[in-house]
PDB file of N, CA and C in Angstrom:
ATOM      1  N   UNK A   1     135.122  87.431  79.409  1.00  0.00           N
ATOM      2  CA  UNK A   1     134.530  86.387  80.264  1.00  0.00           C
ATOM      3  C   UNK A   1     133.018  86.682  80.375  1.00  0.00           C
ATOM      4  N   UNK A   2     132.208  85.671  80.027  1.00  0.00           N
ATOM      5  CA  UNK A   2     130.810  85.858  80.249  1.00  0.00           C
ATOM      6  C   UNK A   2     130.503  85.369  81.669  1.00  0.00           C
ATOM      7  N   UNK A   3     130.261  86.349  82.521  1.00  0.00           N
ATOM      8  CA  UNK A   3     130.076  86.049  84.039  1.00  0.00           C
ATOM      9  C   UNK A   3     128.806  85.143  84.234  1.00  0.00           C
ATOM     10  N   UNK A   4     127.800  85.401  83.424  1.00  0.00           N
ATOM     11  CA  UNK A   4     126.538  84.699  83.653  1.00  0.00           C
ATOM     12  C   UNK A   4     126.635  83.224  83.332  1.00  0.00           C
ATOM     13  N   UNK A   5     127.446  82.935  82.320  1.00  0.00           N
ATOM     14  CA  UNK A   5     127.720  81.488  81.862  1.00  0.00           C
ATOM     15  C   UNK A   5     128.879  80.956  82.461  1.00  0.00           C
ATOM     16  N   UNK A   6     129.791  81.813  83.030  1.00  0.00           N
ATOM     17  CA  UNK A   6     131.130  81.333  83.558  1.00  0.00           C
ATOM     18  C   UNK A   6     131.987  80.818  82.509  1.00  0.00           C
ATOM     19  N   UNK A   7     131.942  81.438  81.327  1.00  0.00           N
ATOM     20  CA  UNK A   7     132.730  80.989  80.155  1.00  0.00           C
ATOM     21  C   UNK A   7     133.685  82.052  79.606  1.00  0.00           C
ATOM     22  N   UNK A   8     134.897  81.657  79.275  1.00  0.00           N
ATOM     23  CA  UNK A   8     135.911  82.623  78.721  1.00  0.00           C
ATOM     24  C   UNK A   8     135.644  82.726  77.265  1.00  0.00           C
ATOM     25  N   UNK A   9     135.361  83.885  76.739  1.00  0.00           N
ATOM     26  CA  UNK A   9     135.088  84.078  75.371  1.00  0.00           C
ATOM     27  C   UNK A   9     136.363  84.360  74.606  1.00  0.00           C
ATOM     28  N   UNK A  10     137.264  85.149  75.133  1.00  0.00           N
ATOM     29  CA  UNK A  10     138.565  85.481  74.478  1.00  0.00           C
ATOM     30  C   UNK A  10     139.514  85.743  75.486  1.00  0.00           C
ATOM     31  N   UNK A  11     140.830  85.376  75.270  1.00  0.00           N
ATOM     32  CA  UNK A  11     141.892  85.567  76.168  1.00  0.00           C
ATOM     33  C   UNK A  11     143.196  85.768  75.459  1.00  0.00           C
ATOM     34  N   UNK A  12     144.171  86.389  76.042  1.00  0.00           N
ATOM     35  CA  UNK A  12     145.423  86.549  75.481  1.00  0.00           C
ATOM     36  C   UNK A  12     146.520  86.715  76.616  1.00  0.00           C
ATOM     37  N   UNK A  13     147.714  86.219  76.299  1.00  0.00           N
ATOM     38  CA  UNK A  13     148.798  86.236  77.423  1.00  0.00           C
ATOM     39  C   UNK A  13     150.117  86.466  76.714  1.00  0.00           C
ATOM     40  N   UNK A  14     151.063  87.060  77.348  1.00  0.00           N
ATOM     41  CA  UNK A  14     152.427  87.335  76.878  1.00  0.00           C
ATOM     42  C   UNK A  14     153.213  85.961  76.936  1.00  0.00           C
ATOM     43  N   UNK A  15     152.600  84.956  77.605  1.00  0.00           N
ATOM     44  CA  UNK A  15     153.287  83.729  77.742  1.00  0.00           C
ATOM     45  C   UNK A  15     152.986  82.762  76.472  1.00  0.00           C
ATOM     46  N   UNK A  16     152.146  83.223  75.561  1.00  0.00           N
ATOM     47  CA  UNK A  16     151.889  82.453  74.383  1.00  0.00           C
ATOM     48  C   UNK A  16     153.132  82.316  73.453  1.00  0.00           C
ATOM     49  N   UNK A  17     153.303  81.269  72.946  1.00  0.00           N
ATOM     50  CA  UNK A  17     154.514  81.018  72.062  1.00  0.00           C
ATOM     51  C   UNK A  17     154.588  82.115  70.932  1.00  0.00           C
ATOM     52  N   UNK A  18     153.565  82.451  70.292  1.00  0.00           N
ATOM     53  CA  UNK A  18     153.621  83.527  69.257  1.00  0.00           C
ATOM     54  C   UNK A  18     154.090  84.840  69.705  1.00  0.00           C
ATOM     55  N   UNK A  19     153.649  85.171  70.884  1.00  0.00           N
ATOM     56  CA  UNK A  19     154.059  86.508  71.463  1.00  0.00           C
ATOM     57  C   UNK A  19     155.375  86.462  72.170  1.00  0.00           C
ATOM     58  N   UNK A  20     155.614  85.513  72.839  1.00  0.00           N
ATOM     59  CA  UNK A  20     156.802  85.364  73.748  1.00  0.00           C
ATOM     60  C   UNK A  20     158.116  85.669  72.985  1.00  0.00           C
ATOM     61  N   UNK A  21     158.247  85.069  71.853  1.00  0.00           N
ATOM     62  CA  UNK A  21     159.392  85.273  71.026  1.00  0.00           C
ATOM     63  C   UNK A  21     159.578  86.654  70.385  1.00  0.00           C
ATOM     64  N   UNK A  22     158.459  87.351  70.226  1.00  0.00           N
ATOM     65  CA  UNK A  22     158.497  88.668  69.546  1.00  0.00           C
ATOM     66  C   UNK A  22     158.579  89.851  70.475  1.00  0.00           C
ATOM     67  N   UNK A  23     158.424  89.588  71.840  1.00  0.00           N
ATOM     68  CA  UNK A  23     158.472  90.683  72.797  1.00  0.00           C
ATOM     69  C   UNK A  23     159.792  90.653  73.592  1.00  0.00           C
ATOM     70  N   UNK A  24     160.306  91.804  73.871  1.00  0.00           N
ATOM     71  CA  UNK A  24     161.529  91.916  74.710  1.00  0.00           C
ATOM     72  C   UNK A  24     161.214  91.410  76.084  1.00  0.00           C
ATOM     73  N   UNK A  25     160.155  91.885  76.566  1.00  0.00           N
ATOM     74  CA  UNK A  25     159.675  91.475  77.901  1.00  0.00           C
ATOM     75  C   UNK A  25     158.176  91.442  77.924  1.00  0.00           C
ATOM     76  N   UNK A  26     157.574  90.716  78.843  1.00  0.00           N
ATOM     77  CA  UNK A  26     156.123  90.630  78.948  1.00  0.00           C
ATOM     78  C   UNK A  26     155.568  91.682  79.940  1.00  0.00           C
ATOM     79  N   UNK A  27     156.381  92.552  80.453  1.00  0.00           N
ATOM     80  CA  UNK A  27     156.057  93.489  81.534  1.00  0.00           C
ATOM     81  C   UNK A  27     156.289  94.943  81.073  1.00  0.00           C
ATOM     82  N   UNK A  28     156.039  95.364  79.839  1.00  0.00           N
ATOM     83  CA  UNK A  28     156.190  96.718  79.501  1.00  0.00           C
ATOM     84  C   UNK A  28     155.050  97.187  78.605  1.00  0.00           C
ATOM     85  N   UNK A  29     154.986  98.463  78.244  1.00  0.00           N
ATOM     86  CA  UNK A  29     153.890  98.956  77.489  1.00  0.00           C
ATOM     87  C   UNK A  29     153.813  98.343  76.076  1.00  0.00           C
ATOM     88  N   UNK A  30     154.912  97.947  75.516  1.00  0.00           N
ATOM     89  CA  UNK A  30     154.871  97.392  74.175  1.00  0.00           C
ATOM     90  C   UNK A  30     154.109  95.947  74.274  1.00  0.00           C
ATOM     91  N   UNK A  31     154.333  95.254  75.346  1.00  0.00           N
ATOM     92  CA  UNK A  31     153.661  93.959  75.575  1.00  0.00           C
ATOM     93  C   UNK A  31     152.130  94.215  75.905  1.00  0.00           C
ATOM     94  N   UNK A  32     151.832  95.314  76.551  1.00  0.00           N
ATOM     95  CA  UNK A  32     150.394  95.620  76.832  1.00  0.00           C
ATOM     96  C   UNK A  32     149.700  95.991  75.540  1.00  0.00           C
ATOM     97  N   UNK A  33     150.391  96.742  74.699  1.00  0.00           N
ATOM     98  CA  UNK A  33     149.783  97.048  73.347  1.00  0.00           C
ATOM     99  C   UNK A  33     149.532  95.849  72.527  1.00  0.00           C
ATOM    100  N   UNK A  34     150.494  94.922  72.476  1.00  0.00           N
ATOM    101  CA  UNK A  34     150.315  93.667  71.747  1.00  0.00           C
ATOM    102  C   UNK A  34     149.183  92.844  72.270  1.00  0.00           C
ATOM    103  N   UNK A  35     149.060  92.787  73.590  1.00  0.00           N
ATOM    104  CA  UNK A  35     147.951  91.976  74.236  1.00  0.00           C
ATOM    105  C   UNK A  35     146.649  92.711  73.940  1.00  0.00           C
ATOM    106  N   UNK A  36     146.593  94.014  73.914  1.00  0.00           N
ATOM    107  CA  UNK A  36     145.315  94.774  73.688  1.00  0.00           C
ATOM    108  C   UNK A  36     144.840  94.483  72.292  1.00  0.00           C
ATOM    109  N   UNK A  37     145.720  94.534  71.310  1.00  0.00           N
ATOM    110  CA  UNK A  37     145.400  94.271  69.891  1.00  0.00           C
ATOM    111  C   UNK A  37     144.960  92.910  69.674  1.00  0.00           C
ATOM    112  N   UNK A  38     145.642  91.853  70.338  1.00  0.00           N
ATOM    113  CA  UNK A  38     145.342  90.474  70.188  1.00  0.00           C
ATOM    114  C   UNK A  38     143.956  90.212  70.822  1.00  0.00           C
ATOM    115  N   UNK A  39     143.668  90.718  72.003  1.00  0.00           N
ATOM    116  CA  UNK A  39     142.398  90.460  72.565  1.00  0.00           C
ATOM    117  C   UNK A  39     141.242  91.117  71.865  1.00  0.00           C
ATOM    118  N   UNK A  40     141.506  92.319  71.206  1.00  0.00           N
ATOM    119  CA  UNK A  40     140.411  92.846  70.419  1.00  0.00           C
ATOM    120  C   UNK A  40     140.157  92.007  69.129  1.00  0.00           C
ATOM    121  N   UNK A  41     141.297  91.451  68.573  1.00  0.00           N
ATOM    122  CA  UNK A  41     141.072  90.571  67.425  1.00  0.00           C
ATOM    123  C   UNK A  41     140.326  89.312  67.768  1.00  0.00           C
ATOM    124  N   UNK A  42     140.663  88.727  68.878  1.00  0.00           N
ATOM    125  CA  UNK A  42     139.961  87.464  69.203  1.00  0.00           C
ATOM    126  C   UNK A  42     138.516  87.707  69.724  1.00  0.00           C
ATOM    127  N   UNK A  43     138.338  88.804  70.344  1.00  0.00           N
ATOM    128  CA  UNK A  43     136.930  89.087  70.773  1.00  0.00           C
ATOM    129  C   UNK A  43     136.012  89.431  69.477  1.00  0.00           C
ATOM    130  N   UNK A  44     136.647  90.003  68.559  1.00  0.00           N
ATOM    131  CA  UNK A  44     135.916  90.354  67.371  1.00  0.00           C
ATOM    132  C   UNK A  44     135.552  89.065  66.567  1.00  0.00           C
ATOM    133  N   UNK A  45     136.447  88.118  66.476  1.00  0.00           N
ATOM    134  CA  UNK A  45     136.238  86.799  65.891  1.00  0.00           C
ATOM    135  C   UNK A  45     135.175  86.030  66.659  1.00  0.00           C
ATOM    136  N   UNK A  46     135.055  86.322  67.927  1.00  0.00           N
ATOM    137  CA  UNK A  46     134.040  85.686  68.707  1.00  0.00           C
ATOM    138  C   UNK A  46     132.645  86.431  68.701  1.00  0.00           C
ATOM    139  N   UNK A  47     132.619  87.521  67.902  1.00  0.00           N
ATOM    140  CA  UNK A  47     131.337  88.289  67.840  1.00  0.00           C
ATOM    141  C   UNK A  47     131.182  89.296  68.997  1.00  0.00           C
ATOM    142  N   UNK A  48     132.166  89.590  69.698  1.00  0.00           N
ATOM    143  CA  UNK A  48     132.041  90.532  70.865  1.00  0.00           C
ATOM    144  C   UNK A  48     132.590  91.842  70.418  1.00  0.00           C
ATOM    145  N   UNK A  49     131.813  92.942  70.530  1.00  0.00           N
ATOM    146  CA  UNK A  49     132.250  94.260  70.236  1.00  0.00           C
ATOM    147  C   UNK A  49     132.303  95.161  71.383  1.00  0.00           C
ATOM    148  N   UNK A  50     131.538  94.848  72.443  1.00  0.00           N
ATOM    149  CA  UNK A  50     131.400  95.817  73.550  1.00  0.00           C
ATOM    150  C   UNK A  50     131.728  94.935  74.846  1.00  0.00           C
ATOM    151  N   UNK A  51     132.616  95.509  75.615  1.00  0.00           N
ATOM    152  CA  UNK A  51     133.051  94.775  76.845  1.00  0.00           C
ATOM    153  C   UNK A  51     133.129  95.740  78.064  1.00  0.00           C
ATOM    154  N   UNK A  52     133.279  95.166  79.282  1.00  0.00           N
ATOM    155  CA  UNK A  52     133.503  95.988  80.445  1.00  0.00           C
ATOM    156  C   UNK A  52     134.988  95.860  80.778  1.00  0.00           C
ATOM    157  N   UNK A  53     135.682  96.946  80.891  1.00  0.00           N
ATOM    158  CA  UNK A  53     137.057  96.874  81.247  1.00  0.00           C
ATOM    159  C   UNK A  53     137.220  97.134  82.693  1.00  0.00           C
ATOM    160  N   UNK A  54     137.567  96.032  83.395  1.00  0.00           N
ATOM    161  CA  UNK A  54     137.819  96.042  84.891  1.00  0.00           C
ATOM    162  C   UNK A  54     139.326  96.151  85.162  1.00  0.00           C
ATOM    163  N   UNK A  55     139.823  97.228  85.549  1.00  0.00           N
ATOM    164  CA  UNK A  55     141.231  97.453  85.759  1.00  0.00           C
ATOM    165  C   UNK A  55     141.554  97.077  87.204  1.00  0.00           C
ATOM    166  N   UNK A  56     140.636  96.676  87.930  1.00  0.00           N
ATOM    167  CA  UNK A  56     140.874  96.326  89.295  1.00  0.00           C
ATOM    168  C   UNK A  56     141.377  97.532  90.203  1.00  0.00           C
ATOM    169  N   UNK A  57     142.496  97.183  91.050  1.00  0.00           N
ATOM    170  CA  UNK A  57     143.012  98.226  91.829  1.00  0.00           C
ATOM    171  C   UNK A  57     144.023  99.075  91.132  1.00  0.00           C
ATOM    172  N   UNK A  58     144.323  98.794  89.880  1.00  0.00           N
ATOM    173  CA  UNK A  58     145.344  99.532  89.141  1.00  0.00           C
ATOM    174  C   UNK A  58     144.850 100.893  88.564  1.00  0.00           C
ATOM    175  N   UNK A  59     145.657 101.929  88.656  1.00  0.00           N
ATOM    176  CA  UNK A  59     145.260 103.196  88.061  1.00  0.00           C
ATOM    177  C   UNK A  59     145.305 103.132  86.567  1.00  0.00           C
ATOM    178  N   UNK A  60     144.585 104.007  85.914  1.00  0.00           N
ATOM    179  CA  UNK A  60     144.466 104.009  84.456  1.00  0.00           C
ATOM    180  C   UNK A  60     145.654 104.836  83.995  1.00  0.00           C
ATOM    181  N   UNK A  61     146.837 104.149  83.944  1.00  0.00           N
ATOM    182  CA  UNK A  61     148.099 104.756  83.520  1.00  0.00           C
ATOM    183  C   UNK A  61     149.090 103.686  83.005  1.00  0.00           C
ATOM    184  N   UNK A  62     150.042 104.007  82.218  1.00  0.00           N
ATOM    185  CA  UNK A  62     151.071 103.040  81.830  1.00  0.00           C
ATOM    186  C   UNK A  62     150.600 101.878  81.079  1.00  0.00           C
ATOM    187  N   UNK A  63     150.882 100.680  81.591  1.00  0.00           N
ATOM    188  CA  UNK A  63     150.581  99.467  80.894  1.00  0.00           C
ATOM    189  C   UNK A  63     148.973  99.291  80.804  1.00  0.00           C
ATOM    190  N   UNK A  64     148.299  99.655  81.872  1.00  0.00           N
ATOM    191  CA  UNK A  64     146.873  99.480  81.783  1.00  0.00           C
ATOM    192  C   UNK A  64     146.242 100.392  80.707  1.00  0.00           C
ATOM    193  N   UNK A  65     146.737 101.635  80.701  1.00  0.00           N
ATOM    194  CA  UNK A  65     146.246 102.580  79.674  1.00  0.00           C
ATOM    195  C   UNK A  65     146.582 102.069  78.248  1.00  0.00           C
ATOM    196  N   UNK A  66     147.855 101.560  78.093  1.00  0.00           N
ATOM    197  CA  UNK A  66     148.359 101.109  76.719  1.00  0.00           C
ATOM    198  C   UNK A  66     147.389  99.911  76.320  1.00  0.00           C
ATOM    199  N   UNK A  67     147.131  98.961  77.205  1.00  0.00           N
ATOM    200  CA  UNK A  67     146.271  97.822  76.760  1.00  0.00           C
ATOM    201  C   UNK A  67     144.905  98.313  76.410  1.00  0.00           C
ATOM    202  N   UNK A  68     144.322  99.184  77.199  1.00  0.00           N
ATOM    203  CA  UNK A  68     142.989  99.729  76.895  1.00  0.00           C
ATOM    204  C   UNK A  68     142.940 100.451  75.545  1.00  0.00           C
ATOM    205  N   UNK A  69     143.875 101.334  75.255  1.00  0.00           N
ATOM    206  CA  UNK A  69     143.878 102.045  74.053  1.00  0.00           C
ATOM    207  C   UNK A  69     144.107 101.186  72.809  1.00  0.00           C
ATOM    208  N   UNK A  70     144.909 100.163  72.989  1.00  0.00           N
ATOM    209  CA  UNK A  70     145.141  99.266  71.885  1.00  0.00           C
ATOM    210  C   UNK A  70     143.912  98.407  71.547  1.00  0.00           C
ATOM    211  N   UNK A  71     143.224  98.027  72.660  1.00  0.00           N
ATOM    212  CA  UNK A  71     141.978  97.302  72.497  1.00  0.00           C
ATOM    213  C   UNK A  71     140.927  98.136  71.799  1.00  0.00           C
ATOM    214  N   UNK A  72     140.792  99.433  72.163  1.00  0.00           N
ATOM    215  CA  UNK A  72     139.857 100.280  71.479  1.00  0.00           C
ATOM    216  C   UNK A  72     140.227 100.480  70.068  1.00  0.00           C
ATOM    217  N   UNK A  73     141.582 100.640  69.726  1.00  0.00           N
ATOM    218  CA  UNK A  73     141.978 100.850  68.390  1.00  0.00           C
ATOM    219  C   UNK A  73     141.674  99.525  67.526  1.00  0.00           C
ATOM    220  N   UNK A  74     141.679  98.364  68.219  1.00  0.00           N
ATOM    221  CA  UNK A  74     141.378  97.097  67.628  1.00  0.00           C
ATOM    222  C   UNK A  74     139.858  96.897  67.458  1.00  0.00           C
ATOM    223  N   UNK A  75     139.012  97.810  67.877  1.00  0.00           N
ATOM    224  CA  UNK A  75     137.606  97.742  67.644  1.00  0.00           C
ATOM    225  C   UNK A  75     136.703  97.461  68.892  1.00  0.00           C
ATOM    226  N   UNK A  76     137.340  97.242  70.031  1.00  0.00           N
ATOM    227  CA  UNK A  76     136.429  97.018  71.152  1.00  0.00           C
ATOM    228  C   UNK A  76     135.951  98.299  71.735  1.00  0.00           C
ATOM    229  N   UNK A  77     134.773  98.235  72.256  1.00  0.00           N
ATOM    230  CA  UNK A  77     134.151  99.428  72.856  1.00  0.00           C
ATOM    231  C   UNK A  77     133.858  99.188  74.333  1.00  0.00           C
ATOM    232  N   UNK A  78     134.301 100.035  75.235  1.00  0.00           N
ATOM    233  CA  UNK A  78     134.002  99.964  76.611  1.00  0.00           C
ATOM    234  C   UNK A  78     134.094 101.321  77.289  1.00  0.00           C
TER     235      UNK A  78
END
């Protein structure tokens, strides 16, 4: 999200048709890894390589960690 412009540059969700059928559930680390890879791919296509990862009140563990590591492996820097 570009906060200055109020514009979403790249987004991904486990509710998307392509992902929903391939995931056992949308609430596990496998789903977080899939989302991390997909968001990195979409951000890269949009020309974004560096982002700020705001985990909010969640600790850096489990699904949050899996999503972040997959996004890094996909080429995002934060």
